[in-house]
Amino acid sequence: MRDDAASSTDDQSEAAEREAAKQRLLAQAEAERVPVEDTTRAVPDRRWRRDQR
């Protein structure tokens, strides 16, 4: 019976650690996120091809 309790505690501890790691990753990703308004659309610039000929 004692092993089951220890195993259950270990499982809960692991689940808590996984959840904490998940929250850290989500917080980091949110901090590094670039708002869509700050991005620019890629526009092909073919001028360099004319200069290379």
C-alpha atoms as a PDB file:
ATOM      1  CA  MET A   1       0.000   0.000   0.000  1.00  0.00           C
ATOM      2  CA  ARG A   2       2.866   2.348   0.820  1.00  0.00           C
ATOM      3  CA  ASP A   3       4.410   1.898  -2.652  1.00  0.00           C
ATOM      4  CA  ASP A   4       1.121   2.877  -4.279  1.00  0.00           C
ATOM      5  CA  ALA A   5       1.003   6.083  -2.264  1.00  0.00           C
ATOM      6  CA  ALA A   6       4.598   6.933  -3.148  1.00  0.00           C
ATOM      7  CA  SER A   7       3.956   6.128  -6.803  1.00  0.00           C
ATOM      8  CA  SER A   8       0.857   8.308  -6.795  1.00  0.00           C
ATOM      9  CA  THR A   9       2.832  11.157  -5.228  1.00  0.00           C
ATOM     10  CA  ASP A  10       5.576  10.724  -7.842  1.00  0.00           C
ATOM     11  CA  ASP A  11       2.988  10.800 -10.635  1.00  0.00           C
ATOM     12  CA  GLN A  12       1.411  13.958  -9.225  1.00  0.00           C
ATOM     13  CA  SER A  13       4.844  15.542  -8.864  1.00  0.00           C
ATOM     14  CA  GLU A  14       5.743  14.668 -12.472  1.00  0.00           C
ATOM     15  CA  ALA A  15       2.423  16.022 -13.711  1.00  0.00           C
ATOM     16  CA  ALA A  16       2.999  19.266 -11.808  1.00  0.00           C
ATOM     17  CA  GLU A  17       6.519  19.569 -13.248  1.00  0.00           C
ATOM     18  CA  ARG A  18       5.212  18.943 -16.786  1.00  0.00           C
ATOM     19  CA  GLU A  19       2.497  21.563 -16.318  1.00  0.00           C
ATOM     20  CA  ALA A  20       5.022  24.082 -14.973  1.00  0.00           C
ATOM     21  CA  ALA A  21       7.347  23.427 -17.925  1.00  0.00           C
ATOM     22  CA  LYS A  22       4.420  23.823 -20.323  1.00  0.00           C
ATOM     23  CA  GLN A  23       3.482  27.150 -18.742  1.00  0.00           C
ATOM     24  CA  ARG A  24       7.105  28.360 -18.984  1.00  0.00           C
ATOM     25  CA  LEU A  25       7.229  27.437 -22.674  1.00  0.00           C
ATOM     26  CA  LEU A  26       3.916  29.167 -23.369  1.00  0.00           C
ATOM     27  CA  ALA A  27       5.065  32.290 -21.519  1.00  0.00           C
ATOM     28  CA  GLN A  28       8.351  32.319 -23.456  1.00  0.00           C
ATOM     29  CA  ALA A  29       6.566  31.849 -26.772  1.00  0.00           C
ATOM     30  CA  GLU A  30       4.151  34.657 -25.949  1.00  0.00           C
ATOM     31  CA  ALA A  31       7.044  36.960 -24.997  1.00  0.00           C
ATOM     32  CA  GLU A  32       8.807  36.222 -28.307  1.00  0.00           C
ATOM     33  CA  ARG A  33       5.661  36.477 -30.412  1.00  0.00           C
ATOM     34  CA  VAL A  34       5.667  39.163 -33.086  1.00  0.00           C
ATOM     35  CA  PRO A  35       2.282  40.823 -33.588  1.00  0.00           C
ATOM     36  CA  VAL A  36       0.987  40.406 -37.121  1.00  0.00           C
ATOM     37  CA  GLU A  37       0.819  44.191 -37.486  1.00  0.00           C
ATOM     38  CA  ASP A  38       4.615  44.334 -37.084  1.00  0.00           C
ATOM     39  CA  THR A  39       5.349  41.887 -39.869  1.00  0.00           C
ATOM     40  CA  THR A  40       5.790  42.881 -43.467  1.00  0.00           C
ATOM     41  CA  ARG A  41       4.684  40.977 -46.498  1.00  0.00           C
ATOM     42  CA  ALA A  42       7.531  39.684 -48.635  1.00  0.00           C
ATOM     43  CA  VAL A  43       7.545  41.462 -51.975  1.00  0.00           C
ATOM     44  CA  PRO A  44       9.758  40.018 -54.699  1.00  0.00           C
ATOM     45  CA  ASP A  45      12.438  42.442 -55.750  1.00  0.00           C
ATOM     46  CA  ARG A  46      13.665  41.574 -59.225  1.00  0.00           C
ATOM     47  CA  ARG A  47      15.860  44.640 -59.659  1.00  0.00           C
ATOM     48  CA  TRP A  48      18.958  42.707 -58.601  1.00  0.00           C
ATOM     49  CA  ARG A  49      18.433  40.284 -61.485  1.00  0.00           C
ATOM     50  CA  ARG A  50      18.600  43.142 -64.003  1.00  0.00           C
ATOM     51  CA  ASP A  51      21.847  44.342 -62.447  1.00  0.00           C
ATOM     52  CA  GLN A  52      23.435  40.880 -62.735  1.00  0.00           C
ATOM     53  CA  ARG A  53      22.964  40.469 -66.472  1.00  0.00           C
END
